[in-house]
């Protein structure tokens, strides 16, 4: 799937959704941003959405795992500013990415469950101790 969205106001950006990533290309001469920012869905830890109002731009921002840098909405490569008239397209982008993130989290949870079962079998067979099993289980569950 390749779906392209053009936002000609605010940041003048092109957003492309693929099967595994979002591509953001900003065309603003004011910001002198060049190139395309590719964000794999597997690296997105959260999506922030601010609705556009009559006098305030809306915002769709992607938080990337391991990247806490935020330079402000205009300069941030992981942020799309939009007008109220673009809200339907932004909501479509937001929902698509949220689905991709949810699928990733479901797969991760499923993998953790499978791993815990494997370690439980090792414990039951006397290969690892109960303490080792509990430690590994906490690690897999992120506790």
Protein backbone atom coordinates (compact mmCIF):
# COMPACT_ATOMS: atom_id res chain seq x y z
CA UNK A 1 0.00 0.00 0.00
CA UNK A 2 1.28 3.45 -0.90
CA UNK A 3 -1.11 6.27 -0.10
CA UNK A 4 0.03 9.86 -0.61
CA UNK A 5 -1.39 12.94 1.13
CA UNK A 6 -0.51 16.51 0.15
CA UNK A 7 -0.72 19.34 2.67
CA UNK A 8 -0.17 22.57 0.77
CA UNK A 9 -0.66 25.04 3.62
CA UNK A 10 1.11 25.28 6.98
CA UNK A 11 4.27 23.20 6.38
CA UNK A 12 3.74 22.25 2.74
CA UNK A 13 4.31 18.57 3.35
CA UNK A 14 3.82 15.33 1.48
CA UNK A 15 3.00 12.32 3.63
CA UNK A 16 3.20 8.81 2.23
CA UNK A 17 1.95 5.73 4.06
CA UNK A 18 3.54 2.43 3.08
CA UNK A 19 3.07 -1.03 4.53
CA UNK A 20 5.90 -0.56 7.02
CA UNK A 21 6.61 3.17 7.39
CA UNK A 22 5.44 6.75 7.11
CA UNK A 23 7.42 9.09 4.87
CA UNK A 24 7.27 12.81 5.61
CA UNK A 25 8.67 15.26 3.09
CA UNK A 26 8.46 18.95 3.97
CA UNK A 27 8.75 21.50 1.17
CA UNK A 28 8.98 24.75 3.11
CA UNK A 29 11.56 27.28 1.91
CA UNK A 30 11.28 29.12 5.23
CA UNK A 31 12.48 26.12 7.24
CA UNK A 32 14.98 24.97 4.62
CA UNK A 33 14.08 21.35 5.28
CA UNK A 34 15.11 19.01 2.53
CA UNK A 35 14.82 15.30 2.02
CA UNK A 36 12.40 12.79 3.30
CA UNK A 37 12.02 11.51 6.84
CA UNK A 38 11.23 7.78 6.90
CA UNK A 39 9.75 6.53 10.16
CA UNK A 40 9.24 2.76 10.39
CA UNK A 41 6.05 1.87 12.28
CA UNK A 42 8.11 -0.45 14.48
CA UNK A 43 10.00 2.56 15.87
CA UNK A 44 6.91 4.65 16.73
CA UNK A 45 6.13 4.40 20.44
CA UNK A 46 3.23 6.88 20.48
CA UNK A 47 1.23 9.31 18.37
CA UNK A 48 0.07 12.68 19.67
CA UNK A 49 -2.86 14.37 18.01
CA UNK A 50 -4.05 17.95 18.53
CA UNK A 51 -7.21 18.98 16.76
CA UNK A 52 -7.07 22.02 14.48
CA UNK A 53 -9.15 24.97 15.61
CA UNK A 54 -10.21 28.07 13.74
CA UNK A 55 -7.07 30.02 14.75
CA UNK A 56 -4.69 27.21 15.78
CA UNK A 57 -3.04 24.59 13.57
CA UNK A 58 -3.62 20.96 14.37
CA UNK A 59 -0.66 18.69 15.03
CA UNK A 60 0.17 15.04 14.48
CA UNK A 61 3.46 14.08 16.15
CA UNK A 62 5.23 10.74 16.30
CA UNK A 63 7.35 9.79 19.30
CA UNK A 64 10.20 7.55 18.24
CA UNK A 65 11.57 4.86 20.53
CA UNK A 66 14.85 6.06 22.01
CA UNK A 67 14.53 9.62 20.68
CA UNK A 68 13.49 12.26 23.20
CA UNK A 69 14.56 15.27 21.11
CA UNK A 70 11.81 17.77 20.37
CA UNK A 71 12.74 21.00 18.60
CA UNK A 72 9.27 22.54 18.42
CA UNK A 73 6.46 21.76 16.01
CA UNK A 74 7.83 23.71 13.05
CA UNK A 75 11.35 22.31 13.14
CA UNK A 76 10.49 18.78 14.22
CA UNK A 77 10.87 16.18 11.47
CA UNK A 78 8.36 13.89 13.21
CA UNK A 79 5.52 16.44 13.34
CA UNK A 80 2.89 17.35 10.78
CA UNK A 81 1.00 20.63 11.23
CA UNK A 82 -2.37 20.87 9.52
CA UNK A 83 -5.38 23.11 9.01
CA UNK A 84 -8.93 22.25 10.02
CA UNK A 85 -9.82 21.50 6.38
CA UNK A 86 -7.17 18.72 6.37
CA UNK A 87 -8.55 17.01 9.49
CA UNK A 88 -10.18 14.09 7.62
CA UNK A 89 -6.89 13.11 5.95
CA UNK A 90 -4.94 13.52 9.20
CA UNK A 91 -7.45 11.35 11.08
CA UNK A 92 -7.10 8.71 8.36
CA UNK A 93 -3.28 8.82 8.75
CA UNK A 94 -3.59 8.74 12.55
CA UNK A 95 -5.93 5.72 12.52
CA UNK A 96 -3.75 3.80 10.06
CA UNK A 97 -0.65 4.33 12.19
CA UNK A 98 -2.48 3.51 15.43
CA UNK A 99 -3.58 0.21 13.85
CA UNK A 100 0.02 -0.56 12.86
CA UNK A 101 1.25 0.26 16.37
CA UNK A 102 -1.50 -1.85 17.97
CA UNK A 103 -0.59 -4.80 15.74
CA UNK A 104 3.07 -4.41 16.76
CA UNK A 105 2.15 -4.32 20.45
CA UNK A 106 -0.10 -7.38 20.07
CA UNK A 107 2.70 -9.29 18.37
CA UNK A 108 5.13 -8.26 21.11
CA UNK A 109 2.71 -9.39 23.83
CA UNK A 110 2.19 -12.69 22.02
CA UNK A 111 5.96 -13.21 21.73
CA UNK A 112 6.40 -12.47 25.45
CA UNK A 113 3.69 -15.01 26.31
CA UNK A 114 5.36 -17.67 24.17
CA UNK A 115 8.75 -16.94 25.75
CA UNK A 116 7.31 -17.17 29.27
CA UNK A 117 5.81 -20.57 28.40
CA UNK A 118 9.21 -21.77 27.17
CA UNK A 119 10.91 -20.64 30.37
CA UNK A 120 8.14 -22.23 32.46
CA UNK A 121 8.78 -25.55 30.70
CA UNK A 122 12.51 -25.18 31.43
CA UNK A 123 11.69 -24.56 35.09
CA UNK A 124 9.30 -27.54 35.20
CA UNK A 125 12.04 -29.73 33.69
CA UNK A 126 14.49 -28.55 36.38
CA UNK A 127 16.79 -26.82 33.89
CA UNK A 128 16.37 -23.37 35.47
CA UNK A 129 15.40 -22.40 39.01
CA UNK A 130 12.14 -20.75 40.06
CA UNK A 131 14.11 -17.54 40.77
CA UNK A 132 15.59 -17.56 37.26
CA UNK A 133 12.13 -18.13 35.80
CA UNK A 134 10.59 -15.27 37.83
CA UNK A 135 13.43 -12.93 36.85
CA UNK A 136 13.04 -13.75 33.15
CA UNK A 137 9.25 -13.40 33.36
CA UNK A 138 9.55 -9.91 34.88
CA UNK A 139 12.04 -8.95 32.17
CA UNK A 140 9.74 -10.16 29.39
CA UNK A 141 6.74 -8.38 30.89
CA UNK A 142 8.72 -5.17 31.30
CA UNK A 143 8.26 -5.06 35.08
